[in-house]
Amino acid sequence: MMAKKWRDYLSTLPEDQQKEIADLTSTLIRREATLQKLREARERSQVEIAQKLGVNQAAVSKMERRADMYISTLRKLIEAMGGELEIIARFPDQREVRITQFNKMAAK
């Protein structure tokens, strides 16, 4: 018996269950995820991301394991997954603050 892809299985479920799963997935992704887990939740392969970035698969693998990278690199990686990067600072004595100076980098 051949394994069934998640996407194929999901399409066999009733629409309300598909929406519930999509909502739960979205909630879990918003909370916390490594880049690898985020990519997997978005159902993207390293090869797909590499093609969008113009690099090889090994470079994507290396990016996912890095603990430190340029903001521009992270932005490109997130955009290749179909997302948008925002940088937010949180302080105990005030509301969160969206850092906007890096938006200029995205416009280039």
PDB file of N, CA and C in Angstrom:
ATOM      1  N   MET A   1       0.844  -1.179   0.000  1.00  0.00           N
ATOM      2  CA  MET A   1       0.000   0.000   0.000  1.00  0.00           C
ATOM      3  C   MET A   1       0.886   1.237   0.000  1.00  0.00           C
ATOM      4  N   MET A   2       0.617   2.151  -0.899  1.00  0.00           N
ATOM      5  CA  MET A   2       1.405   3.361  -1.019  1.00  0.00           C
ATOM      6  C   MET A   2       0.898   4.430  -0.041  1.00  0.00           C
ATOM      7  N   ALA A   3       1.816   5.155   0.558  1.00  0.00           N
ATOM      8  CA  ALA A   3       1.442   6.201   1.504  1.00  0.00           C
ATOM      9  C   ALA A   3       0.675   7.304   0.780  1.00  0.00           C
ATOM     10  N   LYS A   4      -0.304   7.857   1.477  1.00  0.00           N
ATOM     11  CA  LYS A   4      -1.126   8.927   0.908  1.00  0.00           C
ATOM     12  C   LYS A   4      -0.558  10.260   1.376  1.00  0.00           C
ATOM     13  N   LYS A   5      -0.467  11.221   0.465  1.00  0.00           N
ATOM     14  CA  LYS A   5       0.006  12.550   0.840  1.00  0.00           C
ATOM     15  C   LYS A   5      -1.052  13.237   1.694  1.00  0.00           C
ATOM     16  N   TRP A   6      -0.572  14.030   2.640  1.00  0.00           N
ATOM     17  CA  TRP A   6      -1.460  14.731   3.554  1.00  0.00           C
ATOM     18  C   TRP A   6      -2.471  15.579   2.786  1.00  0.00           C
ATOM     19  N   ARG A   7      -2.010  16.303   1.787  1.00  0.00           N
ATOM     20  CA  ARG A   7      -2.876  17.183   1.005  1.00  0.00           C
ATOM     21  C   ARG A   7      -4.002  16.381   0.339  1.00  0.00           C
ATOM     22  N   ASP A   8      -3.670  15.187  -0.173  1.00  0.00           N
ATOM     23  CA  ASP A   8      -4.673  14.337  -0.811  1.00  0.00           C
ATOM     24  C   ASP A   8      -5.697  13.845   0.211  1.00  0.00           C
ATOM     25  N   TYR A   9      -5.213  13.427   1.370  1.00  0.00           N
ATOM     26  CA  TYR A   9      -6.123  12.963   2.428  1.00  0.00           C
ATOM     27  C   TYR A   9      -7.027  14.102   2.883  1.00  0.00           C
ATOM     28  N   LEU A  10      -6.445  15.273   3.091  1.00  0.00           N
ATOM     29  CA  LEU A  10      -7.195  16.430   3.564  1.00  0.00           C
ATOM     30  C   LEU A  10      -8.344  16.761   2.613  1.00  0.00           C
ATOM     31  N   SER A  11      -8.114  16.636   1.324  1.00  0.00           N
ATOM     32  CA  SER A  11      -9.146  16.973   0.341  1.00  0.00           C
ATOM     33  C   SER A  11     -10.344  16.018   0.398  1.00  0.00           C
ATOM     34  N   THR A  12     -10.184  14.857   1.037  1.00  0.00           N
ATOM     35  CA  THR A  12     -11.301  13.906   1.146  1.00  0.00           C
ATOM     36  C   THR A  12     -12.203  14.210   2.344  1.00  0.00           C
ATOM     37  N   LEU A  13     -11.749  15.074   3.233  1.00  0.00           N
ATOM     38  CA  LEU A  13     -12.530  15.401   4.424  1.00  0.00           C
ATOM     39  C   LEU A  13     -13.617  16.425   4.102  1.00  0.00           C
ATOM     40  N   PRO A  14     -14.683  16.450   4.905  1.00  0.00           N
ATOM     41  CA  PRO A  14     -15.723  17.475   4.721  1.00  0.00           C
ATOM     42  C   PRO A  14     -15.121  18.875   4.869  1.00  0.00           C
ATOM     43  N   GLU A  15     -15.721  19.834   4.188  1.00  0.00           N
ATOM     44  CA  GLU A  15     -15.198  21.202   4.174  1.00  0.00           C
ATOM     45  C   GLU A  15     -15.039  21.806   5.564  1.00  0.00           C
ATOM     46  N   ASP A  16     -15.988  21.548   6.454  1.00  0.00           N
ATOM     47  CA  ASP A  16     -15.897  22.115   7.793  1.00  0.00           C
ATOM     48  C   ASP A  16     -14.696  21.553   8.553  1.00  0.00           C
ATOM     49  N   GLN A  17     -14.386  20.271   8.357  1.00  0.00           N
ATOM     50  CA  GLN A  17     -13.203  19.678   8.995  1.00  0.00           C
ATOM     51  C   GLN A  17     -11.920  20.246   8.378  1.00  0.00           C
ATOM     52  N   GLN A  18     -11.910  20.455   7.066  1.00  0.00           N
ATOM     53  CA  GLN A  18     -10.738  21.050   6.411  1.00  0.00           C
ATOM     54  C   GLN A  18     -10.468  22.443   6.972  1.00  0.00           C
ATOM     55  N   LYS A  19     -11.539  23.228   7.157  1.00  0.00           N
ATOM     56  CA  LYS A  19     -11.380  24.580   7.697  1.00  0.00           C
ATOM     57  C   LYS A  19     -10.883  24.528   9.142  1.00  0.00           C
ATOM     58  N   GLU A  20     -11.423  23.616   9.928  1.00  0.00           N
ATOM     59  CA  GLU A  20     -10.993  23.473  11.323  1.00  0.00           C
ATOM     60  C   GLU A  20      -9.508  23.120  11.401  1.00  0.00           C
ATOM     61  N   ILE A  21      -9.062  22.220  10.559  1.00  0.00           N
ATOM     62  CA  ILE A  21      -7.647  21.827  10.523  1.00  0.00           C
ATOM     63  C   ILE A  21      -6.784  23.005  10.077  1.00  0.00           C
ATOM     64  N   ALA A  22      -7.234  23.722   9.058  1.00  0.00           N
ATOM     65  CA  ALA A  22      -6.477  24.890   8.574  1.00  0.00           C
ATOM     66  C   ALA A  22      -6.374  25.957   9.656  1.00  0.00           C
ATOM     67  N   ASP A  23      -7.464  26.203  10.384  1.00  0.00           N
ATOM     68  CA  ASP A  23      -7.452  27.195  11.465  1.00  0.00           C
ATOM     69  C   ASP A  23      -6.510  26.789  12.583  1.00  0.00           C
ATOM     70  N   LEU A  24      -6.556  25.517  12.968  1.00  0.00           N
ATOM     71  CA  LEU A  24      -5.677  25.024  14.028  1.00  0.00           C
ATOM     72  C   LEU A  24      -4.214  25.103  13.597  1.00  0.00           C
ATOM     73  N   THR A  25      -3.939  24.721  12.366  1.00  0.00           N
ATOM     74  CA  THR A  25      -2.572  24.803  11.843  1.00  0.00           C
ATOM     75  C   THR A  25      -2.076  26.237  11.890  1.00  0.00           C
ATOM     76  N   SER A  26      -2.915  27.158  11.443  1.00  0.00           N
ATOM     77  CA  SER A  26      -2.550  28.574  11.445  1.00  0.00           C
ATOM     78  C   SER A  26      -2.262  29.071  12.857  1.00  0.00           C
ATOM     79  N   THR A  27      -3.091  28.676  13.806  1.00  0.00           N
ATOM     80  CA  THR A  27      -2.892  29.072  15.202  1.00  0.00           C
ATOM     81  C   THR A  27      -1.574  28.540  15.744  1.00  0.00           C
ATOM     82  N   LEU A  28      -1.283  27.280  15.474  1.00  0.00           N
ATOM     83  CA  LEU A  28      -0.042  26.686  15.969  1.00  0.00           C
ATOM     84  C   LEU A  28       1.176  27.339  15.339  1.00  0.00           C
ATOM     85  N   ILE A  29       1.104  27.647  14.055  1.00  0.00           N
ATOM     86  CA  ILE A  29       2.223  28.304  13.383  1.00  0.00           C
ATOM     87  C   ILE A  29       2.457  29.677  13.978  1.00  0.00           C
ATOM     88  N   ARG A  30       1.379  30.394  14.288  1.00  0.00           N
ATOM     89  CA  ARG A  30       1.533  31.747  14.842  1.00  0.00           C
ATOM     90  C   ARG A  30       2.212  31.732  16.196  1.00  0.00           C
ATOM     91  N   ARG A  31       2.054  30.669  16.931  1.00  0.00           N
ATOM     92  CA  ARG A  31       2.605  30.636  18.287  1.00  0.00           C
ATOM     93  C   ARG A  31       4.116  30.520  18.292  1.00  0.00           C
ATOM     94  N   GLU A  32       4.634  29.507  17.644  1.00  0.00           N
ATOM     95  CA  GLU A  32       6.075  29.284  17.684  1.00  0.00           C
ATOM     96  C   GLU A  32       6.434  28.157  16.735  1.00  0.00           C
ATOM     97  N   ALA A  33       7.507  28.352  15.987  1.00  0.00           N
ATOM     98  CA  ALA A  33       7.941  27.291  15.079  1.00  0.00           C
ATOM     99  C   ALA A  33       9.369  27.554  14.626  1.00  0.00           C
ATOM    100  N   THR A  34      10.095  26.476  14.391  1.00  0.00           N
ATOM    101  CA  THR A  34      11.388  26.616  13.732  1.00  0.00           C
ATOM    102  C   THR A  34      11.111  26.883  12.260  1.00  0.00           C
ATOM    103  N   LEU A  35      12.103  27.339  11.538  1.00  0.00           N
ATOM    104  CA  LEU A  35      11.924  27.565  10.104  1.00  0.00           C
ATOM    105  C   LEU A  35      11.573  26.270   9.386  1.00  0.00           C
ATOM    106  N   GLN A  36      12.170  25.172   9.805  1.00  0.00           N
ATOM    107  CA  GLN A  36      11.863  23.881   9.184  1.00  0.00           C
ATOM    108  C   GLN A  36      10.401  23.508   9.420  1.00  0.00           C
ATOM    109  N   LYS A  37       9.945  23.622  10.651  1.00  0.00           N
ATOM    110  CA  LYS A  37       8.561  23.268  10.974  1.00  0.00           C
ATOM    111  C   LYS A  37       7.584  24.200  10.253  1.00  0.00           C
ATOM    112  N   LEU A  38       7.948  25.468  10.160  1.00  0.00           N
ATOM    113  CA  LEU A  38       7.109  26.428   9.449  1.00  0.00           C
ATOM    114  C   LEU A  38       6.999  26.041   7.970  1.00  0.00           C
ATOM    115  N   ARG A  39       8.127  25.698   7.362  1.00  0.00           N
ATOM    116  CA  ARG A  39       8.131  25.281   5.949  1.00  0.00           C
ATOM    117  C   ARG A  39       7.276  24.032   5.766  1.00  0.00           C
ATOM    118  N   GLU A  40       7.436  23.071   6.658  1.00  0.00           N
ATOM    119  CA  GLU A  40       6.668  21.827   6.560  1.00  0.00           C
ATOM    120  C   GLU A  40       5.172  22.082   6.748  1.00  0.00           C
ATOM    121  N   ALA A  41       4.813  22.962   7.680  1.00  0.00           N
ATOM    122  CA  ALA A  41       3.408  23.292   7.901  1.00  0.00           C
ATOM    123  C   ALA A  41       2.811  23.989   6.682  1.00  0.00           C
ATOM    124  N   ARG A  42       3.640  24.714   5.958  1.00  0.00           N
ATOM    125  CA  ARG A  42       3.195  25.390   4.731  1.00  0.00           C
ATOM    126  C   ARG A  42       3.220  24.437   3.536  1.00  0.00           C
ATOM    127  N   GLU A  43       3.584  23.184   3.800  1.00  0.00           N
ATOM    128  CA  GLU A  43       3.638  22.135   2.778  1.00  0.00           C
ATOM    129  C   GLU A  43       4.538  22.523   1.604  1.00  0.00           C
ATOM    130  N   ARG A  44       5.732  22.993   1.960  1.00  0.00           N
ATOM    131  CA  ARG A  44       6.741  23.347   0.962  1.00  0.00           C
ATOM    132  C   ARG A  44       7.967  22.472   1.187  1.00  0.00           C
ATOM    133  N   SER A  45       8.593  22.041   0.118  1.00  0.00           N
ATOM    134  CA  SER A  45       9.825  21.260   0.239  1.00  0.00           C
ATOM    135  C   SER A  45      11.014  22.213   0.200  1.00  0.00           C
ATOM    136  N   GLN A  46      12.145  21.718   0.658  1.00  0.00           N
ATOM    137  CA  GLN A  46      13.363  22.517   0.568  1.00  0.00           C
ATOM    138  C   GLN A  46      13.692  22.806  -0.895  1.00  0.00           C
ATOM    139  N   VAL A  47      13.409  21.874  -1.779  1.00  0.00           N
ATOM    140  CA  VAL A  47      13.687  22.062  -3.210  1.00  0.00           C
ATOM    141  C   VAL A  47      12.828  23.203  -3.756  1.00  0.00           C
ATOM    142  N   GLU A  48      11.539  23.242  -3.393  1.00  0.00           N
ATOM    143  CA  GLU A  48      10.658  24.325  -3.858  1.00  0.00           C
ATOM    144  C   GLU A  48      11.173  25.683  -3.385  1.00  0.00           C
ATOM    145  N   ILE A  49      11.556  25.759  -2.118  1.00  0.00           N
ATOM    146  CA  ILE A  49      12.059  27.020  -1.558  1.00  0.00           C
ATOM    147  C   ILE A  49      13.358  27.406  -2.242  1.00  0.00           C
ATOM    148  N   ALA A  50      14.229  26.438  -2.447  1.00  0.00           N
ATOM    149  CA  ALA A  50      15.514  26.701  -3.112  1.00  0.00           C
ATOM    150  C   ALA A  50      15.295  27.279  -4.507  1.00  0.00           C
ATOM    151  N   GLN A  51      14.351  26.725  -5.249  1.00  0.00           N
ATOM    152  CA  GLN A  51      14.074  27.221  -6.595  1.00  0.00           C
ATOM    153  C   GLN A  51      13.608  28.671  -6.559  1.00  0.00           C
ATOM    154  N   LYS A  52      12.754  29.011  -5.602  1.00  0.00           N
ATOM    155  CA  LYS A  52      12.266  30.382  -5.483  1.00  0.00           C
ATOM    156  C   LYS A  52      13.374  31.351  -5.093  1.00  0.00           C
ATOM    157  N   LEU A  53      14.329  30.862  -4.298  1.00  0.00           N
ATOM    158  CA  LEU A  53      15.430  31.715  -3.838  1.00  0.00           C
ATOM    159  C   LEU A  53      16.607  31.732  -4.810  1.00  0.00           C
ATOM    160  N   GLY A  54      16.616  30.800  -5.762  1.00  0.00           N
ATOM    161  CA  GLY A  54      17.737  30.731  -6.700  1.00  0.00           C
ATOM    162  C   GLY A  54      18.985  30.134  -6.077  1.00  0.00           C
ATOM    163  N   VAL A  55      18.777  29.211  -5.131  1.00  0.00           N
ATOM    164  CA  VAL A  55      19.906  28.535  -4.487  1.00  0.00           C
ATOM    165  C   VAL A  55      19.663  27.028  -4.573  1.00  0.00           C
ATOM    166  N   ASN A  56      20.605  26.238  -4.054  1.00  0.00           N
ATOM    167  CA  ASN A  56      20.373  24.788  -4.063  1.00  0.00           C
ATOM    168  C   ASN A  56      19.704  24.347  -2.756  1.00  0.00           C
ATOM    169  N   GLN A  57      19.233  23.119  -2.745  1.00  0.00           N
ATOM    170  CA  GLN A  57      18.512  22.579  -1.591  1.00  0.00           C
ATOM    171  C   GLN A  57      19.378  22.584  -0.341  1.00  0.00           C
ATOM    172  N   ALA A  58      20.665  22.313  -0.487  1.00  0.00           N
ATOM    173  CA  ALA A  58      21.562  22.282   0.669  1.00  0.00           C
ATOM    174  C   ALA A  58      21.637  23.652   1.348  1.00  0.00           C
ATOM    175  N   ALA A  59      21.560  24.712   0.566  1.00  0.00           N
ATOM    176  CA  ALA A  59      21.595  26.065   1.138  1.00  0.00           C
ATOM    177  C   ALA A  59      20.350  26.322   1.991  1.00  0.00           C
ATOM    178  N   VAL A  60      19.208  25.834   1.560  1.00  0.00           N
ATOM    179  CA  VAL A  60      17.979  25.987   2.342  1.00  0.00           C
ATOM    180  C   VAL A  60      18.094  25.185   3.635  1.00  0.00           C
ATOM    181  N   SER A  61      18.616  23.982   3.552  1.00  0.00           N
ATOM    182  CA  SER A  61      18.814  23.157   4.738  1.00  0.00           C
ATOM    183  C   SER A  61      19.706  23.884   5.742  1.00  0.00           C
ATOM    184  N   LYS A  62      20.760  24.490   5.255  1.00  0.00           N
ATOM    185  CA  LYS A  62      21.686  25.217   6.128  1.00  0.00           C
ATOM    186  C   LYS A  62      20.992  26.424   6.763  1.00  0.00           C
ATOM    187  N   MET A  63      20.181  27.146   5.973  1.00  0.00           N
ATOM    188  CA  MET A  63      19.453  28.309   6.508  1.00  0.00           C
ATOM    189  C   MET A  63      18.531  27.889   7.651  1.00  0.00           C
ATOM    190  N   GLU A  64      17.864  26.755   7.476  1.00  0.00           N
ATOM    191  CA  GLU A  64      16.922  26.296   8.495  1.00  0.00           C
ATOM    192  C   GLU A  64      17.604  25.943   9.812  1.00  0.00           C
ATOM    193  N   ARG A  65      18.864  25.607   9.756  1.00  0.00           N
ATOM    194  CA  ARG A  65      19.581  25.212  10.976  1.00  0.00           C
ATOM    195  C   ARG A  65      20.307  26.376  11.644  1.00  0.00           C
ATOM    196  N   ARG A  66      20.415  27.498  10.949  1.00  0.00           N
ATOM    197  CA  ARG A  66      21.173  28.627  11.492  1.00  0.00           C
ATOM    198  C   ARG A  66      20.447  29.282  12.662  1.00  0.00           C
ATOM    199  N   ALA A  67      21.207  29.708  13.643  1.00  0.00           N
ATOM    200  CA  ALA A  67      20.653  30.440  14.775  1.00  0.00           C
ATOM    201  C   ALA A  67      20.801  31.946  14.568  1.00  0.00           C
ATOM    202  N   ASP A  68      21.569  32.343  13.555  1.00  0.00           N
ATOM    203  CA  ASP A  68      21.832  33.761  13.306  1.00  0.00           C
ATOM    204  C   ASP A  68      21.910  33.968  11.797  1.00  0.00           C
ATOM    205  N   MET A  69      21.187  34.970  11.293  1.00  0.00           N
ATOM    206  CA  MET A  69      21.249  35.281   9.865  1.00  0.00           C
ATOM    207  C   MET A  69      20.834  36.729   9.650  1.00  0.00           C
ATOM    208  N   TYR A  70      21.125  37.236   8.476  1.00  0.00           N
ATOM    209  CA  TYR A  70      20.709  38.590   8.126  1.00  0.00           C
ATOM    210  C   TYR A  70      19.190  38.663   8.055  1.00  0.00           C
ATOM    211  N   ILE A  71      18.653  39.796   8.414  1.00  0.00           N
ATOM    212  CA  ILE A  71      17.208  39.994   8.325  1.00  0.00           C
ATOM    213  C   ILE A  71      16.761  39.853   6.874  1.00  0.00           C
ATOM    214  N   SER A  72      17.550  40.339   5.945  1.00  0.00           N
ATOM    215  CA  SER A  72      17.185  40.239   4.526  1.00  0.00           C
ATOM    216  C   SER A  72      17.089  38.778   4.087  1.00  0.00           C
ATOM    217  N   THR A  73      17.957  37.924   4.595  1.00  0.00           N
ATOM    218  CA  THR A  73      17.916  36.497   4.264  1.00  0.00           C
ATOM    219  C   THR A  73      16.664  35.861   4.844  1.00  0.00           C
ATOM    220  N   LEU A  74      16.365  36.178   6.096  1.00  0.00           N
ATOM    221  CA  LEU A  74      15.167  35.643   6.741  1.00  0.00           C
ATOM    222  C   LEU A  74      13.920  36.121   6.002  1.00  0.00           C
ATOM    223  N   ARG A  75      13.883  37.386   5.612  1.00  0.00           N
ATOM    224  CA  ARG A  75      12.735  37.926   4.889  1.00  0.00           C
ATOM    225  C   ARG A  75      12.521  37.161   3.583  1.00  0.00           C
ATOM    226  N   LYS A  76      13.594  36.926   2.826  1.00  0.00           N
ATOM    227  CA  LYS A  76      13.490  36.197   1.561  1.00  0.00           C
ATOM    228  C   LYS A  76      12.994  34.773   1.783  1.00  0.00           C
ATOM    229  N   LEU A  77      13.473  34.137   2.826  1.00  0.00           N
ATOM    230  CA  LEU A  77      13.055  32.767   3.141  1.00  0.00           C
ATOM    231  C   LEU A  77      11.564  32.716   3.481  1.00  0.00           C
ATOM    232  N   ILE A  78      11.107  33.637   4.313  1.00  0.00           N
ATOM    233  CA  ILE A  78       9.690  33.699   4.692  1.00  0.00           C
ATOM    234  C   ILE A  78       8.828  34.005   3.463  1.00  0.00           C
ATOM    235  N   GLU A  79       9.276  34.921   2.627  1.00  0.00           N
ATOM    236  CA  GLU A  79       8.516  35.263   1.418  1.00  0.00           C
ATOM    237  C   GLU A  79       8.456  34.086   0.449  1.00  0.00           C
ATOM    238  N   ALA A  80       9.517  33.291   0.381  1.00  0.00           N
ATOM    239  CA  ALA A  80       9.514  32.101  -0.477  1.00  0.00           C
ATOM    240  C   ALA A  80       8.500  31.072   0.006  1.00  0.00           C
ATOM    241  N   MET A  81       8.150  31.127   1.298  1.00  0.00           N
ATOM    242  CA  MET A  81       7.128  30.238   1.848  1.00  0.00           C
ATOM    243  C   MET A  81       5.731  30.821   1.671  1.00  0.00           C
ATOM    244  N   GLY A  82       5.671  32.049   1.147  1.00  0.00           N
ATOM    245  CA  GLY A  82       4.374  32.685   0.934  1.00  0.00           C
ATOM    246  C   GLY A  82       3.976  33.638   2.050  1.00  0.00           C
ATOM    247  N   GLY A  83       4.915  33.952   2.938  1.00  0.00           N
ATOM    248  CA  GLY A  83       4.601  34.808   4.078  1.00  0.00           C
ATOM    249  C   GLY A  83       5.213  36.190   3.969  1.00  0.00           C
ATOM    250  N   GLU A  84       5.093  36.915   5.048  1.00  0.00           N
ATOM    251  CA  GLU A  84       5.628  38.269   5.156  1.00  0.00           C
ATOM    252  C   GLU A  84       6.277  38.401   6.530  1.00  0.00           C
ATOM    253  N   LEU A  85       7.481  38.929   6.578  1.00  0.00           N
ATOM    254  CA  LEU A  85       8.199  39.069   7.845  1.00  0.00           C
ATOM    255  C   LEU A  85       7.886  40.409   8.495  1.00  0.00           C
ATOM    256  N   GLU A  86       7.552  40.363   9.775  1.00  0.00           N
ATOM    257  CA  GLU A  86       7.395  41.565  10.582  1.00  0.00           C
ATOM    258  C   GLU A  86       8.278  41.404  11.806  1.00  0.00           C
ATOM    259  N   ILE A  87       8.878  42.515  12.233  1.00  0.00           N
ATOM    260  CA  ILE A  87       9.707  42.476  13.429  1.00  0.00           C
ATOM    261  C   ILE A  87       9.010  43.303  14.498  1.00  0.00           C
ATOM    262  N   ILE A  88       8.758  42.672  15.640  1.00  0.00           N
ATOM    263  CA  ILE A  88       8.019  43.311  16.720  1.00  0.00           C
ATOM    264  C   ILE A  88       8.835  43.223  18.007  1.00  0.00           C
ATOM    265  N   ALA A  89       8.933  44.350  18.696  1.00  0.00           N
ATOM    266  CA  ALA A  89       9.611  44.393  19.994  1.00  0.00           C
ATOM    267  C   ALA A  89       8.545  44.408  21.095  1.00  0.00           C
ATOM    268  N   ARG A  90       8.796  43.657  22.142  1.00  0.00           N
ATOM    269  CA  ARG A  90       7.875  43.621  23.286  1.00  0.00           C
ATOM    270  C   ARG A  90       8.638  44.042  24.536  1.00  0.00           C
ATOM    271  N   PHE A  91       8.005  44.930  25.302  1.00  0.00           N
ATOM    272  CA  PHE A  91       8.570  45.410  26.549  1.00  0.00           C
ATOM    273  C   PHE A  91       7.547  45.185  27.652  1.00  0.00           C
ATOM    274  N   PRO A  92       8.004  44.929  28.885  1.00  0.00           N
ATOM    275  CA  PRO A  92       7.045  44.636  29.953  1.00  0.00           C
ATOM    276  C   PRO A  92       6.158  45.828  30.316  1.00  0.00           C
ATOM    277  N   ASP A  93       6.605  47.061  30.048  1.00  0.00           N
ATOM    278  CA  ASP A  93       5.846  48.233  30.500  1.00  0.00           C
ATOM    279  C   ASP A  93       5.111  48.973  29.381  1.00  0.00           C
ATOM    280  N   GLN A  94       5.020  48.371  28.198  1.00  0.00           N
ATOM    281  CA  GLN A  94       4.260  49.030  27.128  1.00  0.00           C
ATOM    282  C   GLN A  94       3.784  48.006  26.110  1.00  0.00           C
ATOM    283  N   ARG A  95       2.918  48.449  25.214  1.00  0.00           N
ATOM    284  CA  ARG A  95       2.411  47.564  24.176  1.00  0.00           C
ATOM    285  C   ARG A  95       3.520  47.225  23.198  1.00  0.00           C
ATOM    286  N   GLU A  96       3.276  46.208  22.398  1.00  0.00           N
ATOM    287  CA  GLU A  96       4.280  45.811  21.413  1.00  0.00           C
ATOM    288  C   GLU A  96       4.492  46.936  20.403  1.00  0.00           C
ATOM    289  N   VAL A  97       5.716  46.976  19.880  1.00  0.00           N
ATOM    290  CA  VAL A  97       6.106  48.020  18.928  1.00  0.00           C
ATOM    291  C   VAL A  97       6.608  47.341  17.663  1.00  0.00           C
ATOM    292  N   ARG A  98       6.019  47.700  16.547  1.00  0.00           N
ATOM    293  CA  ARG A  98       6.443  47.156  15.254  1.00  0.00           C
ATOM    294  C   ARG A  98       7.652  47.966  14.782  1.00  0.00           C
ATOM    295  N   ILE A  99       8.760  47.288  14.494  1.00  0.00           N
ATOM    296  CA  ILE A  99       9.977  47.933  14.014  1.00  0.00           C
ATOM    297  C   ILE A  99       9.851  48.094  12.499  1.00  0.00           C
ATOM    298  N   THR A 100       9.918  49.325  12.018  1.00  0.00           N
ATOM    299  CA  THR A 100       9.646  49.585  10.597  1.00  0.00           C
ATOM    300  C   THR A 100      10.879  49.876   9.755  1.00  0.00           C
ATOM    301  N   GLN A 101      12.004  50.113  10.359  1.00  0.00           N
ATOM    302  CA  GLN A 101      13.158  50.507   9.558  1.00  0.00           C
ATOM    303  C   GLN A 101      13.584  49.436   8.561  1.00  0.00           C
ATOM    304  N   PHE A 102      13.251  48.184   8.820  1.00  0.00           N
ATOM    305  CA  PHE A 102      13.637  47.101   7.914  1.00  0.00           C
ATOM    306  C   PHE A 102      12.680  46.979   6.739  1.00  0.00           C
ATOM    307  N   ASN A 103      11.540  47.680   6.800  1.00  0.00           N
ATOM    308  CA  ASN A 103      10.606  47.674   5.670  1.00  0.00           C
ATOM    309  C   ASN A 103      11.252  48.273   4.425  1.00  0.00           C
ATOM    310  N   LYS A 104      12.159  49.205   4.624  1.00  0.00           N
ATOM    311  CA  LYS A 104      12.866  49.843   3.507  1.00  0.00           C
ATOM    312  C   LYS A 104      13.669  48.809   2.734  1.00  0.00           C
ATOM    313  N   MET A 105      14.205  47.803   3.452  1.00  0.00           N
ATOM    314  CA  MET A 105      14.988  46.755   2.809  1.00  0.00           C
ATOM    315  C   MET A 105      14.124  45.939   1.859  1.00  0.00           C
ATOM    316  N   ALA A 106      12.888  45.698   2.253  1.00  0.00           N
ATOM    317  CA  ALA A 106      11.994  44.872   1.446  1.00  0.00           C
ATOM    318  C   ALA A 106      11.596  45.585   0.168  1.00  0.00           C
ATOM    319  N   ALA A 107      11.560  46.905   0.198  1.00  0.00           N
ATOM    320  CA  ALA A 107      11.134  47.683  -0.983  1.00  0.00           C
ATOM    321  C   ALA A 107      12.205  47.728  -2.059  1.00  0.00           C
ATOM    322  N   LYS A 108      13.443  47.422  -1.712  1.00  0.00           N
ATOM    323  CA  LYS A 108      14.546  47.490  -2.690  1.00  0.00           C
ATOM    324  C   LYS A 108      14.469  46.395  -3.706  1.00  0.00           C
TER     325      LYS A 108
END
